[in-house]
Amino acid sequence: MDGKYVTVLGAGVVGLTTSIVILSKYPKIKVIRTSDTLVLGLAHIGEVWQKKMMYDFRQIAEEAGIMIVPGVDYYDTKPSVPTRWFESFVPDYKVVPSDELPEGAVFGERYNTITLNTPTYLKYLRGRIEKMGGRIIKHQIEDLQSTFRPLSLEEGNVPAPDYLFVCLGIGALRLPGVCDELVYPTLGQTLLVRAPASEISYAIPRSDGTCILGGCMEAHNWSHLPNPHMSEKIARDCLKQEPRLARKRGDTPLQSLDVIEVSLLGVPGMRVECQDYEEGGRKIRVGYNYGHGGAGYQTSWGCAEKIVTLAME
């Protein structure tokens, strides 16, 4: 792989992780990570990919600001299968006894899991790429074919790649040459609030003393504006399970929370596969790694390993 060049399109967790996997496997390769300005920004996605995530996150937990915390899930319907697909790799998995279930829940499970502060984690990934010799460039991409050719930029020349990885998320719907019409958004909405340092149902604590409350999952919702009614529902449901989230008096559940931010999450469907192209008599292998739904962080390491293996080995 000496002297080969790789371009990774995409500024999110999947593109960053894919770049790190390439640099780790092929330290002499020249990796160029291009941030495409088109980029905006489930349940059982794949046991193997999420199992890989659990292992890798534990290895970098301290330096990346990742926390290992106890998690509890409650359901108003009982799972249709006797064994949960993730039982084999999450630590300390236990079914919640029926006499400990909250009102309205018919099934519950406890296990140790991972939580992270996404801005801090992405900053860690970018820093790791730069230390490993990768270049991070922000550039407007006209179409897929334009990325097959050399670029002349203020930061310097970018050679034509031998391998190209498309990690654009929902941007894959809009980039000419890809225009994947199977990609669509599934809107998720969350609240970032200040919270006590304790175990909280239906919430994801962060290491900086904040907590993510969610959520919803609305297919084909293209809205870029938070839904105030959904925010109220999230606040009401979470406060019902953990009243200590309330930080002040308010006329509504939402007003009693110390809300820092309301976030929308666009989550399309997954594509992990390769395709060969030709440009000026050169063969270019393109790996597609996008559309991970709400599981981009969970599946980022497993899918990166998979697509790099498919494309380069």
Protein backbone atom coordinates (compact mmCIF):
# COMPACT_ATOMS: atom_id res chain seq x y z
CA MET A 1 0.00 0.00 0.00
CA ASP A 2 3.03 2.33 -0.07
CA GLY A 3 2.40 5.48 -2.09
CA LYS A 4 -1.35 4.93 -2.31
CA TYR A 5 -3.78 7.76 -1.62
CA VAL A 6 -7.17 7.57 0.05
CA THR A 7 -9.94 10.16 0.22
CA VAL A 8 -12.70 9.86 2.80
CA LEU A 9 -15.75 12.05 2.17
CA GLY A 10 -17.67 12.97 5.28
CA ALA A 11 -17.20 14.99 8.45
CA GLY A 12 -19.11 12.83 10.92
CA VAL A 13 -18.20 10.01 13.26
CA VAL A 14 -18.32 7.38 10.50
CA GLY A 15 -15.92 9.23 8.20
CA LEU A 16 -13.51 10.04 11.02
CA THR A 17 -13.52 6.47 12.31
CA THR A 18 -13.04 5.05 8.81
CA SER A 19 -9.97 7.30 8.39
CA ILE A 20 -8.48 6.06 11.67
CA VAL A 21 -9.03 2.41 10.74
CA ILE A 22 -7.26 2.96 7.38
CA LEU A 23 -4.30 4.71 9.03
CA SER A 24 -4.06 1.98 11.67
CA LYS A 25 -4.07 -0.86 9.14
CA TYR A 26 -1.87 0.89 6.57
CA PRO A 27 0.42 3.39 8.35
CA LYS A 28 2.41 4.17 5.16
CA ILE A 29 -0.65 5.09 3.13
CA LYS A 30 -1.49 8.74 2.48
CA VAL A 31 -4.97 9.46 3.83
CA ILE A 32 -6.76 12.67 2.97
CA ARG A 33 -10.00 13.29 4.83
CA THR A 34 -12.23 15.68 2.95
CA SER A 35 -15.08 17.37 4.80
CA ASP A 36 -17.95 17.77 2.36
CA THR A 37 -20.19 20.78 3.00
CA LEU A 38 -23.17 18.79 1.71
CA VAL A 39 -23.17 16.70 4.84
CA LEU A 40 -25.92 17.49 7.35
CA GLY A 41 -24.88 17.51 10.62
CA LEU A 42 -32.35 1.57 15.49
CA ALA A 43 -32.79 -1.18 17.05
CA HIS A 44 -30.77 -4.28 16.00
CA ILE A 45 -28.31 -2.83 13.43
CA GLY A 46 -25.82 -5.68 13.63
CA GLU A 47 -24.50 -7.61 16.59
CA VAL A 48 -20.97 -7.94 15.20
CA TRP A 49 -20.61 -4.21 14.47
CA GLN A 50 -21.92 -3.10 17.86
CA LYS A 51 -19.84 -5.72 19.68
CA LYS A 52 -16.76 -4.17 18.03
CA MET A 53 -17.89 -0.76 19.31
CA MET A 54 -18.08 -1.97 22.92
CA TYR A 55 -14.50 -3.28 22.77
CA ASP A 56 -12.95 -0.24 21.05
CA PHE A 57 -14.73 2.34 23.19
CA ARG A 58 -13.43 0.70 26.35
CA GLN A 59 -9.86 0.90 25.08
CA ILE A 60 -10.02 4.69 24.60
CA ALA A 61 -12.54 5.58 27.31
CA GLU A 62 -10.30 7.69 29.55
CA GLU A 63 -8.63 9.88 26.91
CA ALA A 64 -11.80 10.37 24.82
CA GLY A 65 -14.05 11.29 27.74
CA ILE A 66 -16.17 8.14 27.46
CA MET A 67 -17.96 6.86 30.57
CA ILE A 68 -19.02 3.31 31.40
CA VAL A 69 -22.32 3.60 33.28
CA PRO A 70 -25.21 1.38 34.43
CA GLY A 71 -28.15 1.46 32.03
CA VAL A 72 -31.81 0.56 32.49
CA ASP A 73 -34.40 0.12 29.73
CA TYR A 74 -38.14 -0.24 30.35
CA TYR A 75 -40.72 -1.36 27.78
CA ASP A 76 -44.50 -1.21 27.61
CA THR A 77 -44.53 -4.42 25.51
CA LYS A 78 -42.57 -7.61 26.15
CA PRO A 79 -39.88 -8.57 23.58
CA SER A 80 -41.04 -11.25 21.13
CA VAL A 81 -37.83 -13.30 21.47
CA PRO A 82 -36.63 -15.03 24.67
CA THR A 83 -32.99 -13.90 24.33
CA ARG A 84 -31.89 -10.32 23.73
CA TRP A 85 -29.40 -10.03 20.84
CA PHE A 86 -26.89 -7.96 22.84
CA GLU A 87 -26.85 -10.12 26.01
CA SER A 88 -23.62 -11.83 24.98
CA PHE A 89 -21.39 -8.75 24.96
CA VAL A 90 -22.80 -6.11 27.34
CA PRO A 91 -21.46 -6.54 30.89
CA ASP A 92 -23.73 -7.53 33.78
CA TYR A 93 -26.91 -8.02 31.75
CA LYS A 94 -29.94 -8.81 33.93
CA VAL A 95 -33.71 -8.80 33.44
CA VAL A 96 -35.45 -6.47 35.92
CA PRO A 97 -37.71 -8.46 38.30
CA SER A 98 -41.39 -7.79 37.67
CA ASP A 99 -41.91 -6.36 41.18
CA GLU A 100 -39.28 -3.67 40.46
CA LEU A 101 -40.83 -2.40 37.22
CA PRO A 102 -42.26 1.14 37.22
CA GLU A 103 -45.92 1.76 36.48
CA GLY A 104 -46.79 1.07 32.83
CA ALA A 105 -43.73 -1.11 32.14
CA VAL A 106 -44.06 -4.85 31.45
CA PHE A 107 -40.38 -5.63 30.83
CA GLY A 108 -37.05 -4.15 31.88
CA GLU A 109 -33.34 -4.89 31.58
CA ARG A 110 -30.18 -3.66 33.29
CA TYR A 111 -26.60 -3.73 32.01
CA ASN A 112 -23.41 -1.71 31.94
CA THR A 113 -23.13 0.46 28.85
CA ILE A 114 -21.21 3.38 27.38
CA THR A 115 -22.04 7.06 27.15
CA LEU A 116 -20.03 9.82 25.52
CA ASN A 117 -20.06 13.56 24.94
CA THR A 118 -20.27 13.71 21.15
CA PRO A 119 -18.48 17.06 20.54
CA THR A 120 -15.61 15.97 22.80
CA TYR A 121 -15.42 12.57 21.13
CA LEU A 122 -15.37 14.01 17.60
CA LYS A 123 -12.60 16.42 18.62
CA TYR A 124 -10.64 13.44 19.92
CA LEU A 125 -11.08 11.59 16.60
CA ARG A 126 -9.94 14.61 14.56
CA GLY A 127 -6.86 15.02 16.73
CA ARG A 128 -6.03 11.35 16.41
CA ILE A 129 -6.22 11.52 12.60
CA GLU A 130 -3.85 14.49 12.49
CA LYS A 131 -1.36 12.78 14.82
CA MET A 132 -1.41 9.72 12.55
CA GLY A 133 -0.56 11.84 9.50
CA GLY A 134 -3.98 12.36 7.96
CA ARG A 135 -4.97 15.68 6.39
CA ILE A 136 -8.33 17.27 7.12
CA ILE A 137 -9.59 19.54 4.35
CA LYS A 138 -12.90 21.37 4.04
CA HIS A 139 -13.94 21.54 0.41
CA GLN A 140 -17.16 21.91 -1.59
CA ILE A 141 -17.69 18.80 -3.70
CA GLU A 142 -19.55 19.19 -7.00
CA ASP A 143 -20.15 15.50 -7.72
CA LEU A 144 -18.67 12.08 -7.02
CA GLN A 145 -16.62 11.98 -10.22
CA SER A 146 -14.85 15.24 -9.35
CA THR A 147 -13.31 13.51 -6.34
CA PHE A 148 -11.57 11.01 -8.64
CA ARG A 149 -9.29 13.76 -9.99
CA PRO A 150 -6.47 15.78 -8.37
CA LEU A 151 -7.40 19.00 -6.58
CA SER A 152 -5.45 22.23 -6.36
CA LEU A 153 -6.27 24.03 -3.11
CA GLU A 154 -4.79 26.86 -1.07
CA GLU A 155 -3.60 24.29 1.47
CA GLY A 156 -1.73 22.44 -1.28
CA ASN A 157 -2.34 19.89 -3.99
CA VAL A 158 -4.49 16.83 -3.32
CA PRO A 159 -3.52 13.83 -5.49
CA ALA A 160 -6.12 11.67 -7.20
CA PRO A 161 -7.13 8.87 -4.81
CA ASP A 162 -6.63 5.16 -5.35
CA TYR A 163 -9.43 4.47 -2.88
CA LEU A 164 -12.43 6.63 -2.03
CA PHE A 165 -14.79 6.19 0.90
CA VAL A 166 -18.21 7.86 0.88
CA CYS A 167 -19.34 8.51 4.47
CA LEU A 168 -21.87 11.28 3.87
CA GLY A 169 -24.89 10.23 5.89
CA ILE A 170 -27.98 11.78 4.37
CA GLY A 171 -25.71 13.83 2.09
CA ALA A 172 -25.57 10.70 -0.09
CA LEU A 173 -29.08 11.58 -1.25
CA ARG A 174 -27.92 14.90 -2.74
CA LEU A 175 -24.41 14.31 -4.07
CA PRO A 176 -24.52 13.88 -7.90
CA GLY A 177 -22.99 10.56 -8.82
CA VAL A 178 -24.42 8.95 -5.70
CA CYS A 179 -27.94 10.38 -5.31
CA ASP A 180 -29.09 7.36 -3.33
CA GLU A 181 -32.88 7.63 -3.40
CA LEU A 182 -33.19 4.92 -0.74
CA VAL A 183 -31.79 7.38 1.80
CA TYR A 184 -34.32 9.34 3.82
CA PRO A 185 -34.28 11.04 7.22
CA THR A 186 -35.86 9.64 10.34
CA LEU A 187 -36.07 12.58 12.69
CA GLY A 188 -35.01 12.20 16.28
CA GLN A 189 -35.30 14.93 18.90
CA THR A 190 -33.47 15.21 22.21
CA LEU A 191 -33.02 17.66 25.08
CA LEU A 192 -29.63 18.41 26.65
CA VAL A 193 -30.19 19.31 30.31
CA ARG A 194 -28.25 19.70 33.54
CA ALA A 195 -28.83 16.72 35.80
CA PRO A 196 -27.72 15.13 39.08
CA ALA A 197 -24.98 12.52 38.86
CA SER A 198 -27.17 9.46 39.32
CA GLU A 199 -28.69 6.57 37.41
CA ILE A 200 -31.63 7.91 35.37
CA SER A 201 -34.12 5.90 33.34
CA TYR A 202 -34.76 7.00 29.74
CA ALA A 203 -31.78 9.34 29.80
CA ILE A 204 -28.11 9.26 28.81
CA PRO A 205 -25.74 10.92 31.31
CA ARG A 206 -22.55 12.62 30.13
CA SER A 207 -19.24 13.07 31.91
CA ASP A 208 -19.65 16.87 32.09
CA GLY A 209 -22.71 16.76 34.37
CA THR A 210 -25.30 17.05 31.60
CA CYS A 211 -27.80 14.50 30.39
CA ILE A 212 -29.44 13.72 27.02
CA LEU A 213 -33.19 13.12 27.23
CA GLY A 214 -35.04 11.51 24.34
CA GLY A 215 -36.72 10.96 22.18
CA CYS A 216 -38.74 10.25 19.04
CA MET A 217 -38.35 8.49 15.69
CA GLU A 218 -40.36 9.96 12.80
CA ALA A 219 -39.65 8.52 9.35
CA HIS A 220 -39.51 10.89 6.33
CA ASN A 221 -39.57 13.97 8.56
CA TRP A 222 -37.38 16.62 6.87
CA SER A 223 -37.98 19.34 9.46
CA HIS A 224 -34.99 21.35 10.69
CA LEU A 225 -36.97 22.93 13.54
CA PRO A 226 -37.55 21.35 16.96
CA ASN A 227 -41.13 20.38 17.80
CA PRO A 228 -42.11 22.08 21.10
CA HIS A 229 -44.85 19.51 21.71
CA MET A 230 -42.29 16.70 21.40
CA SER A 231 -39.98 18.52 23.83
CA GLU A 232 -42.81 18.68 26.36
CA LYS A 233 -43.52 14.97 25.92
CA ILE A 234 -39.86 14.07 26.41
CA ALA A 235 -39.68 16.23 29.55
CA ARG A 236 -42.90 14.78 30.96
CA ASP A 237 -41.90 11.15 30.36
CA CYS A 238 -38.40 11.57 31.81
CA LEU A 239 -39.53 13.51 34.88
CA LYS A 240 -42.06 10.78 35.60
CA GLN A 241 -39.21 8.29 35.92
CA GLU A 242 -36.68 10.64 37.55
CA PRO A 243 -38.16 13.69 39.35
CA ARG A 244 -34.66 14.87 40.37
CA LEU A 245 -34.16 16.10 36.81
CA ALA A 246 -36.27 19.14 37.73
CA ARG A 247 -33.98 22.05 38.57
CA LYS A 248 -36.54 24.81 39.09
CA ARG A 249 -40.26 25.50 39.37
CA GLY A 250 -42.18 25.71 36.12
CA ASP A 251 -45.71 25.74 34.77
CA THR A 252 -44.90 22.77 32.51
CA PRO A 253 -42.50 19.81 32.78
CA LEU A 254 -40.21 21.37 30.17
CA GLN A 255 -39.99 24.66 32.08
CA SER A 256 -38.83 22.82 35.20
CA LEU A 257 -35.76 21.47 33.39
CA ASP A 258 -32.51 23.36 32.92
CA VAL A 259 -32.49 22.89 29.14
CA ILE A 260 -29.19 23.74 27.47
CA GLU A 261 -30.05 22.68 23.95
CA VAL A 262 -32.75 21.02 21.84
CA SER A 263 -31.25 18.83 19.11
CA LEU A 264 -32.59 17.17 15.98
CA LEU A 265 -31.01 14.02 14.64
CA GLY A 266 -31.41 12.96 11.00
CA VAL A 267 -31.06 9.18 10.77
CA PRO A 268 -31.22 7.44 7.36
CA GLY A 269 -30.68 3.72 6.57
CA MET A 270 -27.38 1.80 6.22
CA ARG A 271 -25.21 1.07 3.15
CA VAL A 272 -21.87 -0.74 3.53
CA GLU A 273 -20.56 -1.99 0.16
CA CYS A 274 -18.00 -1.34 -2.62
CA GLN A 275 -18.09 -0.39 -6.29
CA ASP A 276 -15.34 0.03 -8.91
CA TYR A 277 -15.03 3.08 -11.19
CA GLU A 278 -12.61 4.18 -13.92
CA GLU A 279 -11.17 7.66 -14.42
CA GLY A 280 -8.60 8.40 -17.11
CA GLY A 281 -7.67 4.74 -17.44
CA ARG A 282 -7.24 4.39 -13.66
CA LYS A 283 -9.29 2.03 -11.50
CA ILE A 284 -10.73 3.58 -8.35
CA ARG A 285 -12.45 1.50 -5.71
CA VAL A 286 -15.22 3.34 -3.87
CA GLY A 287 -16.43 2.14 -0.49
CA TYR A 288 -19.87 3.32 0.68
CA ASN A 289 -20.32 3.59 4.44
CA TYR A 290 -23.32 5.72 5.36
CA GLY A 291 -26.89 5.69 6.59
CA HIS A 292 -26.37 4.20 10.05
CA GLY A 293 -29.61 5.54 11.45
CA GLY A 294 -29.48 6.53 15.09
CA ALA A 295 -26.63 4.04 15.58
CA GLY A 296 -23.74 5.90 13.92
CA TYR A 297 -21.61 6.01 17.06
CA GLN A 298 -22.46 2.44 18.07
CA THR A 299 -21.63 0.95 14.66
CA SER A 300 -18.84 3.33 13.60
CA TRP A 301 -15.90 1.06 14.49
CA GLY A 302 -17.46 -2.18 13.27
CA CYS A 303 -18.64 -0.69 9.98
CA ALA A 304 -15.31 1.06 9.41
CA GLU A 305 -13.47 -2.25 9.85
CA LYS A 306 -15.92 -3.94 7.49
CA ILE A 307 -15.75 -1.39 4.66
CA VAL A 308 -11.95 -1.04 4.82
CA THR A 309 -11.61 -4.82 4.62
CA LEU A 310 -14.02 -5.01 1.68
CA ALA A 311 -12.31 -2.21 -0.22
CA MET A 312 -8.62 -2.69 0.47
CA GLU A 313 -7.92 -6.33 1.33
